[in-house]
Amino acid sequence: MKPIALATLAFAALALFGDTSAFAQAAEAAKVPANAMNWGSGLGAGLAAAFAVLGAGLGIGRIGGSAVESIARQPEVANKIFINMILTAALIEGVALFAVVVGLLGFPAGS
């Protein structure tokens, strides 16, 4: 693995799974407001939401492309393929919305 990719992955893992109590203790020791030291939670929340949207977009695009290809091969079952495509895309979008909400719940509140 390339060093830059490894460093980015390590930084993202620390931001997503870092211990906020350590940030609070450091803020107390430095006499800095706790929210000023809690920037990693916001970064992790934004990355989680972005990855959820990116994955859902790629998945729905792949479903749409496969459905169009299938309809071109068998036009007589176009209605069944279309219904299944819409149902699957709606389920993926629901999961993506849930992931975005869960990701943004980790965003630090207040200043």
PDB file of N, CA and C in Angstrom:
ATOM      1  N   MET A   1       0.844  -1.171   0.000  1.00  0.00           N
ATOM      2  CA  MET A   1       0.000   0.000   0.000  1.00  0.00           C
ATOM      3  C   MET A   1       0.894   1.240   0.000  1.00  0.00           C
ATOM      4  N   LYS A   2       0.493   2.245  -0.751  1.00  0.00           N
ATOM      5  CA  LYS A   2       1.283   3.467  -0.833  1.00  0.00           C
ATOM      6  C   LYS A   2       1.239   4.218   0.498  1.00  0.00           C
ATOM      7  N   PRO A   3       2.334   4.908   0.852  1.00  0.00           N
ATOM      8  CA  PRO A   3       2.388   5.602   2.145  1.00  0.00           C
ATOM      9  C   PRO A   3       1.308   6.667   2.319  1.00  0.00           C
ATOM     10  N   ILE A   4       0.985   7.409   1.267  1.00  0.00           N
ATOM     11  CA  ILE A   4      -0.029   8.465   1.392  1.00  0.00           C
ATOM     12  C   ILE A   4      -1.403   7.851   1.639  1.00  0.00           C
ATOM     13  N   ALA A   5      -1.703   6.765   0.935  1.00  0.00           N
ATOM     14  CA  ALA A   5      -2.993   6.094   1.144  1.00  0.00           C
ATOM     15  C   ALA A   5      -3.071   5.519   2.557  1.00  0.00           C
ATOM     16  N   LEU A   6      -1.975   4.973   3.028  1.00  0.00           N
ATOM     17  CA  LEU A   6      -1.940   4.411   4.382  1.00  0.00           C
ATOM     18  C   LEU A   6      -2.113   5.510   5.428  1.00  0.00           C
ATOM     19  N   ALA A   7      -1.455   6.652   5.231  1.00  0.00           N
ATOM     20  CA  ALA A   7      -1.582   7.766   6.174  1.00  0.00           C
ATOM     21  C   ALA A   7      -3.008   8.314   6.168  1.00  0.00           C
ATOM     22  N   THR A   8      -3.619   8.417   4.995  1.00  0.00           N
ATOM     23  CA  THR A   8      -5.000   8.895   4.898  1.00  0.00           C
ATOM     24  C   THR A   8      -5.948   7.941   5.594  1.00  0.00           C
ATOM     25  N   LEU A   9      -5.752   6.647   5.381  1.00  0.00           N
ATOM     26  CA  LEU A   9      -6.593   5.645   6.031  1.00  0.00           C
ATOM     27  C   LEU A   9      -6.433   5.687   7.550  1.00  0.00           C
ATOM     28  N   ALA A  10      -5.208   5.843   8.021  1.00  0.00           N
ATOM     29  CA  ALA A  10      -4.965   5.916   9.461  1.00  0.00           C
ATOM     30  C   ALA A  10      -5.612   7.169  10.058  1.00  0.00           C
ATOM     31  N   PHE A  11      -5.484   8.299   9.362  1.00  0.00           N
ATOM     32  CA  PHE A  11      -6.095   9.540   9.840  1.00  0.00           C
ATOM     33  C   PHE A  11      -7.614   9.417   9.893  1.00  0.00           C
ATOM     34  N   ALA A  12      -8.207   8.818   8.849  1.00  0.00           N
ATOM     35  CA  ALA A  12      -9.661   8.639   8.833  1.00  0.00           C
ATOM     36  C   ALA A  12     -10.106   7.704   9.951  1.00  0.00           C
ATOM     37  N   ALA A  13      -9.348   6.647  10.200  1.00  0.00           N
ATOM     38  CA  ALA A  13      -9.706   5.714  11.278  1.00  0.00           C
ATOM     39  C   ALA A  13      -9.636   6.407  12.638  1.00  0.00           C
ATOM     40  N   LEU A  14      -8.629   7.220  12.854  1.00  0.00           N
ATOM     41  CA  LEU A  14      -8.531   7.948  14.117  1.00  0.00           C
ATOM     42  C   LEU A  14      -9.666   8.955  14.271  1.00  0.00           C
ATOM     43  N   ALA A  15     -10.015   9.612  13.173  1.00  0.00           N
ATOM     44  CA  ALA A  15     -11.093  10.598  13.234  1.00  0.00           C
ATOM     45  C   ALA A  15     -12.436   9.921  13.476  1.00  0.00           C
ATOM     46  N   LEU A  16     -12.635   8.755  12.870  1.00  0.00           N
ATOM     47  CA  LEU A  16     -13.912   8.058  13.027  1.00  0.00           C
ATOM     48  C   LEU A  16     -14.038   7.357  14.366  1.00  0.00           C
ATOM     49  N   PHE A  17     -12.956   6.732  14.807  1.00  0.00           N
ATOM     50  CA  PHE A  17     -13.033   5.890  15.982  1.00  0.00           C
ATOM     51  C   PHE A  17     -12.221   6.414  17.162  1.00  0.00           C
ATOM     52  N   GLY A  18     -11.806   7.683  17.094  1.00  0.00           N
ATOM     53  CA  GLY A  18     -11.005   8.255  18.177  1.00  0.00           C
ATOM     54  C   GLY A  18     -11.800   8.374  19.465  1.00  0.00           C
ATOM     55  N   ASP A  19     -11.108   8.371  20.570  1.00  0.00           N
ATOM     56  CA  ASP A  19     -11.740   8.462  21.877  1.00  0.00           C
ATOM     57  C   ASP A  19     -11.947   9.930  22.237  1.00  0.00           C
ATOM     58  N   THR A  20     -13.199  10.351  22.355  1.00  0.00           N
ATOM     59  CA  THR A  20     -13.475  11.759  22.651  1.00  0.00           C
ATOM     60  C   THR A  20     -13.122  12.114  24.088  1.00  0.00           C
ATOM     61  N   SER A  21     -13.079  11.135  24.994  1.00  0.00           N
ATOM     62  CA  SER A  21     -12.722  11.461  26.377  1.00  0.00           C
ATOM     63  C   SER A  21     -11.263  11.911  26.455  1.00  0.00           C
ATOM     64  N   ALA A  22     -10.414  11.371  25.593  1.00  0.00           N
ATOM     65  CA  ALA A  22      -9.022  11.820  25.562  1.00  0.00           C
ATOM     66  C   ALA A  22      -8.952  13.270  25.101  1.00  0.00           C
ATOM     67  N   PHE A  23      -9.812  13.655  24.136  1.00  0.00           N
ATOM     68  CA  PHE A  23      -9.855  15.037  23.693  1.00  0.00           C
ATOM     69  C   PHE A  23     -10.332  15.942  24.831  1.00  0.00           C
ATOM     70  N   ALA A  24     -11.327  15.489  25.578  1.00  0.00           N
ATOM     71  CA  ALA A  24     -11.854  16.294  26.677  1.00  0.00           C
ATOM     72  C   ALA A  24     -10.805  16.478  27.766  1.00  0.00           C
ATOM     73  N   GLN A  25     -10.038  15.426  28.078  1.00  0.00           N
ATOM     74  CA  GLN A  25      -8.993  15.541  29.084  1.00  0.00           C
ATOM     75  C   GLN A  25      -7.897  16.495  28.624  1.00  0.00           C
ATOM     76  N   ALA A  26      -7.546  16.421  27.355  1.00  0.00           N
ATOM     77  CA  ALA A  26      -6.528  17.324  26.822  1.00  0.00           C
ATOM     78  C   ALA A  26      -7.029  18.760  26.834  1.00  0.00           C
ATOM     79  N   ALA A  27      -8.307  18.968  26.553  1.00  0.00           N
ATOM     80  CA  ALA A  27      -8.876  20.313  26.572  1.00  0.00           C
ATOM     81  C   ALA A  27      -8.875  20.883  27.990  1.00  0.00           C
ATOM     82  N   GLU A  28      -9.176  20.033  28.977  1.00  0.00           N
ATOM     83  CA  GLU A  28      -9.154  20.471  30.363  1.00  0.00           C
ATOM     84  C   GLU A  28      -7.746  20.881  30.784  1.00  0.00           C
ATOM     85  N   ALA A  29      -6.779  20.077  30.393  1.00  0.00           N
ATOM     86  CA  ALA A  29      -5.399  20.352  30.765  1.00  0.00           C
ATOM     87  C   ALA A  29      -4.892  21.616  30.093  1.00  0.00           C
ATOM     88  N   ALA A  30      -5.321  21.877  28.868  1.00  0.00           N
ATOM     89  CA  ALA A  30      -4.848  23.041  28.120  1.00  0.00           C
ATOM     90  C   ALA A  30      -5.733  24.262  28.327  1.00  0.00           C
ATOM     91  N   LYS A  31      -6.794  24.140  29.135  1.00  0.00           N
ATOM     92  CA  LYS A  31      -7.741  25.231  29.372  1.00  0.00           C
ATOM     93  C   LYS A  31      -8.350  25.741  28.069  1.00  0.00           C
ATOM     94  N   VAL A  32      -8.714  24.788  27.208  1.00  0.00           N
ATOM     95  CA  VAL A  32      -9.341  25.099  25.920  1.00  0.00           C
ATOM     96  C   VAL A  32     -10.740  24.497  25.956  1.00  0.00           C
ATOM     97  N   PRO A  33     -11.738  25.151  25.373  1.00  0.00           N
ATOM     98  CA  PRO A  33     -13.080  24.556  25.352  1.00  0.00           C
ATOM     99  C   PRO A  33     -13.056  23.173  24.703  1.00  0.00           C
ATOM    100  N   ALA A  34     -13.858  22.252  25.223  1.00  0.00           N
ATOM    101  CA  ALA A  34     -13.841  20.862  24.745  1.00  0.00           C
ATOM    102  C   ALA A  34     -14.208  20.766  23.270  1.00  0.00           C
ATOM    103  N   ASN A  35     -15.088  21.634  22.799  1.00  0.00           N
ATOM    104  CA  ASN A  35     -15.500  21.548  21.398  1.00  0.00           C
ATOM    105  C   ASN A  35     -14.378  21.928  20.444  1.00  0.00           C
ATOM    106  N   ALA A  36     -13.461  22.744  20.900  1.00  0.00           N
ATOM    107  CA  ALA A  36     -12.338  23.119  20.042  1.00  0.00           C
ATOM    108  C   ALA A  36     -11.413  21.935  19.819  1.00  0.00           C
ATOM    109  N   MET A  37     -11.380  21.005  20.762  1.00  0.00           N
ATOM    110  CA  MET A  37     -10.512  19.833  20.632  1.00  0.00           C
ATOM    111  C   MET A  37     -11.233  18.664  19.971  1.00  0.00           C
ATOM    112  N   ASN A  38     -12.531  18.803  19.680  1.00  0.00           N
ATOM    113  CA  ASN A  38     -13.338  17.693  19.192  1.00  0.00           C
ATOM    114  C   ASN A  38     -13.564  17.763  17.684  1.00  0.00           C
ATOM    115  N   TRP A  39     -12.628  18.274  16.930  1.00  0.00           N
ATOM    116  CA  TRP A  39     -12.792  18.433  15.492  1.00  0.00           C
ATOM    117  C   TRP A  39     -12.760  17.097  14.764  1.00  0.00           C
ATOM    118  N   GLY A  40     -12.172  16.075  15.343  1.00  0.00           N
ATOM    119  CA  GLY A  40     -12.096  14.771  14.695  1.00  0.00           C
ATOM    120  C   GLY A  40     -13.460  14.125  14.526  1.00  0.00           C
ATOM    121  N   SER A  41     -14.367  14.366  15.461  1.00  0.00           N
ATOM    122  CA  SER A  41     -15.712  13.807  15.349  1.00  0.00           C
ATOM    123  C   SER A  41     -16.450  14.404  14.157  1.00  0.00           C
ATOM    124  N   GLY A  42     -16.287  15.680  13.937  1.00  0.00           N
ATOM    125  CA  GLY A  42     -16.923  16.313  12.786  1.00  0.00           C
ATOM    126  C   GLY A  42     -16.369  15.804  11.476  1.00  0.00           C
ATOM    127  N   LEU A  43     -15.065  15.605  11.434  1.00  0.00           N
ATOM    128  CA  LEU A  43     -14.441  15.067  10.227  1.00  0.00           C
ATOM    129  C   LEU A  43     -14.914  13.647   9.963  1.00  0.00           C
ATOM    130  N   GLY A  44     -14.995  12.855  11.002  1.00  0.00           N
ATOM    131  CA  GLY A  44     -15.469  11.480  10.849  1.00  0.00           C
ATOM    132  C   GLY A  44     -16.917  11.427  10.402  1.00  0.00           C
ATOM    133  N   ALA A  45     -17.750  12.312  10.952  1.00  0.00           N
ATOM    134  CA  ALA A  45     -19.159  12.349  10.566  1.00  0.00           C
ATOM    135  C   ALA A  45     -19.307  12.733   9.096  1.00  0.00           C
ATOM    136  N   GLY A  46     -18.542  13.718   8.669  1.00  0.00           N
ATOM    137  CA  GLY A  46     -18.598  14.121   7.265  1.00  0.00           C
ATOM    138  C   GLY A  46     -18.113  13.030   6.328  1.00  0.00           C
ATOM    139  N   LEU A  47     -17.046  12.344   6.711  1.00  0.00           N
ATOM    140  CA  LEU A  47     -16.540  11.248   5.877  1.00  0.00           C
ATOM    141  C   LEU A  47     -17.531  10.094   5.810  1.00  0.00           C
ATOM    142  N   ALA A  48     -18.167   9.773   6.924  1.00  0.00           N
ATOM    143  CA  ALA A  48     -19.156   8.694   6.932  1.00  0.00           C
ATOM    144  C   ALA A  48     -20.324   9.020   6.011  1.00  0.00           C
ATOM    145  N   ALA A  49     -20.821  10.249   6.090  1.00  0.00           N
ATOM    146  CA  ALA A  49     -21.930  10.655   5.233  1.00  0.00           C
ATOM    147  C   ALA A  49     -21.514  10.647   3.761  1.00  0.00           C
ATOM    148  N   ALA A  50     -20.310  11.115   3.482  1.00  0.00           N
ATOM    149  CA  ALA A  50     -19.838  11.159   2.097  1.00  0.00           C
ATOM    150  C   ALA A  50     -19.677   9.759   1.513  1.00  0.00           C
ATOM    151  N   PHE A  51     -19.117   8.839   2.291  1.00  0.00           N
ATOM    152  CA  PHE A  51     -18.954   7.468   1.800  1.00  0.00           C
ATOM    153  C   PHE A  51     -20.303   6.792   1.592  1.00  0.00           C
ATOM    154  N   ALA A  52     -21.277   7.081   2.440  1.00  0.00           N
ATOM    155  CA  ALA A  52     -22.610   6.499   2.276  1.00  0.00           C
ATOM    156  C   ALA A  52     -23.250   6.977   0.980  1.00  0.00           C
ATOM    157  N   VAL A  53     -23.152   8.264   0.716  1.00  0.00           N
ATOM    158  CA  VAL A  53     -23.737   8.822  -0.509  1.00  0.00           C
ATOM    159  C   VAL A  53     -22.998   8.300  -1.744  1.00  0.00           C
ATOM    160  N   LEU A  54     -21.683   8.227  -1.664  1.00  0.00           N
ATOM    161  CA  LEU A  54     -20.895   7.730  -2.791  1.00  0.00           C
ATOM    162  C   LEU A  54     -21.234   6.274  -3.106  1.00  0.00           C
ATOM    163  N   GLY A  55     -21.309   5.438  -2.088  1.00  0.00           N
ATOM    164  CA  GLY A  55     -21.642   4.029  -2.304  1.00  0.00           C
ATOM    165  C   GLY A  55     -23.038   3.845  -2.856  1.00  0.00           C
ATOM    166  N   ALA A  56     -23.988   4.617  -2.347  1.00  0.00           N
ATOM    167  CA  ALA A  56     -25.363   4.510  -2.841  1.00  0.00           C
ATOM    168  C   ALA A  56     -25.455   4.963  -4.292  1.00  0.00           C
ATOM    169  N   GLY A  57     -24.769   6.038  -4.624  1.00  0.00           N
ATOM    170  CA  GLY A  57     -24.783   6.515  -6.009  1.00  0.00           C
ATOM    171  C   GLY A  57     -24.202   5.503  -6.978  1.00  0.00           C
ATOM    172  N   LEU A  58     -23.090   4.894  -6.590  1.00  0.00           N
ATOM    173  CA  LEU A  58     -22.492   3.872  -7.443  1.00  0.00           C
ATOM    174  C   LEU A  58     -23.404   2.658  -7.578  1.00  0.00           C
ATOM    175  N   GLY A  59     -24.025   2.245  -6.477  1.00  0.00           N
ATOM    176  CA  GLY A  59     -24.914   1.089  -6.505  1.00  0.00           C
ATOM    177  C   GLY A  59     -26.142   1.313  -7.362  1.00  0.00           C
ATOM    178  N   ILE A  60     -26.785   2.463  -7.210  1.00  0.00           N
ATOM    179  CA  ILE A  60     -27.982   2.761  -7.985  1.00  0.00           C
ATOM    180  C   ILE A  60     -27.632   2.916  -9.460  1.00  0.00           C
ATOM    181  N   GLY A  61     -26.484   3.508  -9.753  1.00  0.00           N
ATOM    182  CA  GLY A  61     -26.049   3.613 -11.148  1.00  0.00           C
ATOM    183  C   GLY A  61     -25.821   2.254 -11.787  1.00  0.00           C
ATOM    184  N   ARG A  62     -25.230   1.354 -11.019  1.00  0.00           N
ATOM    185  CA  ARG A  62     -25.003   0.006 -11.545  1.00  0.00           C
ATOM    186  C   ARG A  62     -26.324  -0.735 -11.761  1.00  0.00           C
ATOM    187  N   ILE A  63     -27.261  -0.566 -10.846  1.00  0.00           N
ATOM    188  CA  ILE A  63     -28.574  -1.197 -11.003  1.00  0.00           C
ATOM    189  C   ILE A  63     -29.271  -0.674 -12.252  1.00  0.00           C
ATOM    190  N   GLY A  64     -29.238   0.645 -12.444  1.00  0.00           N
ATOM    191  CA  GLY A  64     -29.881   1.229 -13.619  1.00  0.00           C
ATOM    192  C   GLY A  64     -29.256   0.747 -14.915  1.00  0.00           C
ATOM    193  N   GLY A  65     -27.929   0.698 -14.965  1.00  0.00           N
ATOM    194  CA  GLY A  65     -27.247   0.221 -16.167  1.00  0.00           C
ATOM    195  C   GLY A  65     -27.570  -1.228 -16.478  1.00  0.00           C
ATOM    196  N   SER A  66     -27.590  -2.063 -15.446  1.00  0.00           N
ATOM    197  CA  SER A  66     -27.912  -3.478 -15.649  1.00  0.00           C
ATOM    198  C   SER A  66     -29.359  -3.665 -16.085  1.00  0.00           C
ATOM    199  N   ALA A  67     -30.252  -2.845 -15.530  1.00  0.00           N
ATOM    200  CA  ALA A  67     -31.665  -2.948 -15.909  1.00  0.00           C
ATOM    201  C   ALA A  67     -31.868  -2.563 -17.369  1.00  0.00           C
ATOM    202  N   VAL A  68     -31.230  -1.499 -17.814  1.00  0.00           N
ATOM    203  CA  VAL A  68     -31.357  -1.087 -19.214  1.00  0.00           C
ATOM    204  C   VAL A  68     -30.789  -2.160 -20.140  1.00  0.00           C
ATOM    205  N   GLU A  69     -29.683  -2.740 -19.745  1.00  0.00           N
ATOM    206  CA  GLU A  69     -29.082  -3.813 -20.533  1.00  0.00           C
ATOM    207  C   GLU A  69     -30.013  -5.031 -20.608  1.00  0.00           C
ATOM    208  N   SER A  70     -30.630  -5.374 -19.487  1.00  0.00           N
ATOM    209  CA  SER A  70     -31.548  -6.512 -19.453  1.00  0.00           C
ATOM    210  C   SER A  70     -32.791  -6.257 -20.289  1.00  0.00           C
ATOM    211  N   ILE A  71     -33.310  -5.047 -20.229  1.00  0.00           N
ATOM    212  CA  ILE A  71     -34.493  -4.708 -21.028  1.00  0.00           C
ATOM    213  C   ILE A  71     -34.155  -4.751 -22.516  1.00  0.00           C
ATOM    214  N   ALA A  72     -32.939  -4.337 -22.870  1.00  0.00           N
ATOM    215  CA  ALA A  72     -32.533  -4.385 -24.280  1.00  0.00           C
ATOM    216  C   ALA A  72     -32.440  -5.825 -24.773  1.00  0.00           C
ATOM    217  N   ARG A  73     -32.065  -6.751 -23.888  1.00  0.00           N
ATOM    218  CA  ARG A  73     -31.950  -8.157 -24.289  1.00  0.00           C
ATOM    219  C   ARG A  73     -33.304  -8.861 -24.319  1.00  0.00           C
ATOM    220  N   GLN A  74     -34.180  -8.516 -23.384  1.00  0.00           N
ATOM    221  CA  GLN A  74     -35.495  -9.149 -23.308  1.00  0.00           C
ATOM    222  C   GLN A  74     -36.575  -8.085 -23.104  1.00  0.00           C
ATOM    223  N   PRO A  75     -37.006  -7.433 -24.157  1.00  0.00           N
ATOM    224  CA  PRO A  75     -37.999  -6.352 -24.022  1.00  0.00           C
ATOM    225  C   PRO A  75     -39.358  -6.828 -23.498  1.00  0.00           C
ATOM    226  N   GLU A  76     -39.659  -8.104 -23.647  1.00  0.00           N
ATOM    227  CA  GLU A  76     -40.977  -8.594 -23.205  1.00  0.00           C
ATOM    228  C   GLU A  76     -41.128  -8.610 -21.683  1.00  0.00           C
ATOM    229  N   VAL A  77     -40.041  -8.585 -20.931  1.00  0.00           N
ATOM    230  CA  VAL A  77     -40.125  -8.562 -19.465  1.00  0.00           C
ATOM    231  C   VAL A  77     -39.705  -7.206 -18.907  1.00  0.00           C
ATOM    232  N   ALA A  78     -39.854  -6.171 -19.697  1.00  0.00           N
ATOM    233  CA  ALA A  78     -39.416  -4.827 -19.292  1.00  0.00           C
ATOM    234  C   ALA A  78     -40.136  -4.347 -18.033  1.00  0.00           C
ATOM    235  N   ASN A  79     -41.444  -4.638 -17.912  1.00  0.00           N
ATOM    236  CA  ASN A  79     -42.189  -4.163 -16.742  1.00  0.00           C
ATOM    237  C   ASN A  79     -41.689  -4.804 -15.457  1.00  0.00           C
ATOM    238  N   LYS A  80     -41.432  -6.110 -15.479  1.00  0.00           N
ATOM    239  CA  LYS A  80     -40.927  -6.783 -14.279  1.00  0.00           C
ATOM    240  C   LYS A  80     -39.541  -6.265 -13.901  1.00  0.00           C
ATOM    241  N   ILE A  81     -38.692  -6.074 -14.898  1.00  0.00           N
ATOM    242  CA  ILE A  81     -37.341  -5.570 -14.631  1.00  0.00           C
ATOM    243  C   ILE A  81     -37.410  -4.161 -14.057  1.00  0.00           C
ATOM    244  N   PHE A  82     -38.281  -3.335 -14.623  1.00  0.00           N
ATOM    245  CA  PHE A  82     -38.412  -1.953 -14.158  1.00  0.00           C
ATOM    246  C   PHE A  82     -38.885  -1.907 -12.706  1.00  0.00           C
ATOM    247  N   ILE A  83     -39.876  -2.719 -12.374  1.00  0.00           N
ATOM    248  CA  ILE A  83     -40.392  -2.735 -11.003  1.00  0.00           C
ATOM    249  C   ILE A  83     -39.312  -3.194 -10.024  1.00  0.00           C
ATOM    250  N   ASN A  84     -38.589  -4.239 -10.383  1.00  0.00           N
ATOM    251  CA  ASN A  84     -37.518  -4.721  -9.509  1.00  0.00           C
ATOM    252  C   ASN A  84     -36.399  -3.698  -9.368  1.00  0.00           C
ATOM    253  N   MET A  85     -36.102  -2.988 -10.455  1.00  0.00           N
ATOM    254  CA  MET A  85     -35.060  -1.962 -10.412  1.00  0.00           C
ATOM    255  C   MET A  85     -35.463  -0.829  -9.459  1.00  0.00           C
ATOM    256  N   ILE A  86     -36.695  -0.357  -9.572  1.00  0.00           N
ATOM    257  CA  ILE A  86     -37.160   0.741  -8.724  1.00  0.00           C
ATOM    258  C   ILE A  86     -37.191   0.311  -7.255  1.00  0.00           C
ATOM    259  N   LEU A  87     -37.649  -0.910  -6.999  1.00  0.00           N
ATOM    260  CA  LEU A  87     -37.703  -1.411  -5.623  1.00  0.00           C
ATOM    261  C   LEU A  87     -36.306  -1.506  -5.016  1.00  0.00           C
ATOM    262  N   THR A  88     -35.373  -2.050  -5.756  1.00  0.00           N
ATOM    263  CA  THR A  88     -34.005  -2.185  -5.257  1.00  0.00           C
ATOM    264  C   THR A  88     -33.353  -0.822  -5.055  1.00  0.00           C
ATOM    265  N   ALA A  89     -33.550   0.089  -5.984  1.00  0.00           N
ATOM    266  CA  ALA A  89     -32.975   1.434  -5.844  1.00  0.00           C
ATOM    267  C   ALA A  89     -33.557   2.152  -4.631  1.00  0.00           C
ATOM    268  N   ALA A  90     -34.849   1.955  -4.369  1.00  0.00           N
ATOM    269  CA  ALA A  90     -35.471   2.592  -3.202  1.00  0.00           C
ATOM    270  C   ALA A  90     -34.894   2.021  -1.904  1.00  0.00           C
ATOM    271  N   LEU A  91     -34.663   0.716  -1.866  1.00  0.00           N
ATOM    272  CA  LEU A  91     -34.074   0.116  -0.668  1.00  0.00           C
ATOM    273  C   LEU A  91     -32.657   0.625  -0.431  1.00  0.00           C
ATOM    274  N   ILE A  92     -31.889   0.743  -1.497  1.00  0.00           N
ATOM    275  CA  ILE A  92     -30.520   1.257  -1.356  1.00  0.00           C
ATOM    276  C   ILE A  92     -30.541   2.708  -0.892  1.00  0.00           C
ATOM    277  N   GLU A  93     -31.456   3.479  -1.444  1.00  0.00           N
ATOM    278  CA  GLU A  93     -31.535   4.881  -1.047  1.00  0.00           C
ATOM    279  C   GLU A  93     -31.954   5.023   0.414  1.00  0.00           C
ATOM    280  N   GLY A  94     -32.840   4.151   0.883  1.00  0.00           N
ATOM    281  CA  GLY A  94     -33.234   4.165   2.290  1.00  0.00           C
ATOM    282  C   GLY A  94     -32.067   3.861   3.208  1.00  0.00           C
ATOM    283  N   VAL A  95     -31.271   2.868   2.850  1.00  0.00           N
ATOM    284  CA  VAL A  95     -30.098   2.522   3.650  1.00  0.00           C
ATOM    285  C   VAL A  95     -29.086   3.672   3.628  1.00  0.00           C
ATOM    286  N   ALA A  96     -28.922   4.304   2.472  1.00  0.00           N
ATOM    287  CA  ALA A  96     -27.983   5.427   2.361  1.00  0.00           C
ATOM    288  C   ALA A  96     -28.439   6.607   3.227  1.00  0.00           C
ATOM    289  N   LEU A  97     -29.720   6.892   3.225  1.00  0.00           N
ATOM    290  CA  LEU A  97     -30.236   7.981   4.048  1.00  0.00           C
ATOM    291  C   LEU A  97     -30.025   7.676   5.532  1.00  0.00           C
ATOM    292  N   PHE A  98     -30.273   6.433   5.917  1.00  0.00           N
ATOM    293  CA  PHE A  98     -30.033   6.024   7.300  1.00  0.00           C
ATOM    294  C   PHE A  98     -28.555   6.191   7.658  1.00  0.00           C
ATOM    295  N   ALA A  99     -27.659   5.795   6.757  1.00  0.00           N
ATOM    296  CA  ALA A  99     -26.217   5.915   7.014  1.00  0.00           C
ATOM    297  C   ALA A  99     -25.801   7.376   7.145  1.00  0.00           C
ATOM    298  N   VAL A 100     -26.371   8.246   6.330  1.00  0.00           N
ATOM    299  CA  VAL A 100     -26.046   9.674   6.420  1.00  0.00           C
ATOM    300  C   VAL A 100     -26.517  10.236   7.759  1.00  0.00           C
ATOM    301  N   VAL A 101     -27.719   9.866   8.183  1.00  0.00           N
ATOM    302  CA  VAL A 101     -28.239  10.363   9.458  1.00  0.00           C
ATOM    303  C   VAL A 101     -27.383   9.860  10.620  1.00  0.00           C
ATOM    304  N   VAL A 102     -27.023   8.585  10.598  1.00  0.00           N
ATOM    305  CA  VAL A 102     -26.187   8.028  11.660  1.00  0.00           C
ATOM    306  C   VAL A 102     -24.814   8.696  11.662  1.00  0.00           C
ATOM    307  N   GLY A 103     -24.262   8.928  10.471  1.00  0.00           N
ATOM    308  CA  GLY A 103     -22.975   9.605  10.384  1.00  0.00           C
ATOM    309  C   GLY A 103     -23.028  11.010  10.934  1.00  0.00           C
ATOM    310  N   LEU A 104     -24.088  11.736  10.633  1.00  0.00           N
ATOM    311  CA  LEU A 104     -24.208  13.113  11.077  1.00  0.00           C
ATOM    312  C   LEU A 104     -24.599  13.227  12.549  1.00  0.00           C
ATOM    313  N   LEU A 105     -25.096  12.152  13.147  1.00  0.00           N
ATOM    314  CA  LEU A 105     -25.364  12.186  14.590  1.00  0.00           C
ATOM    315  C   LEU A 105     -24.077  12.313  15.383  1.00  0.00           C
ATOM    316  N   GLY A 106     -22.970  11.870  14.788  1.00  0.00           N
ATOM    317  CA  GLY A 106     -21.684  11.993  15.468  1.00  0.00           C
ATOM    318  C   GLY A 106     -21.079  13.379  15.360  1.00  0.00           C
ATOM    319  N   PHE A 107     -21.718  14.275  14.619  1.00  0.00           N
ATOM    320  CA  PHE A 107     -21.199  15.631  14.456  1.00  0.00           C
ATOM    321  C   PHE A 107     -21.297  16.375  15.781  1.00  0.00           C
ATOM    322  N   PRO A 108     -20.231  17.052  16.198  1.00  0.00           N
ATOM    323  CA  PRO A 108     -20.265  17.747  17.495  1.00  0.00           C
ATOM    324  C   PRO A 108     -21.266  18.887  17.496  1.00  0.00           C
ATOM    325  N   ALA A 109     -22.008  19.011  18.571  1.00  0.00           N
ATOM    326  CA  ALA A 109     -23.029  20.044  18.686  1.00  0.00           C
ATOM    327  C   ALA A 109     -22.466  21.274  19.389  1.00  0.00           C
ATOM    328  N   GLY A 110     -22.935  22.425  18.977  1.00  0.00           N
ATOM    329  CA  GLY A 110     -22.556  23.673  19.652  1.00  0.00           C
ATOM    330  C   GLY A 110     -21.126  24.100  19.373  1.00  0.00           C
ATOM    331  N   SER A 111     -20.744  25.178  20.023  1.00  0.00           N
ATOM    332  CA  SER A 111     -19.374  25.670  19.856  1.00  0.00           C
ATOM    333  C   SER A 111     -18.755  25.979  21.186  1.00  0.00           C
TER     334      SER A 111
END
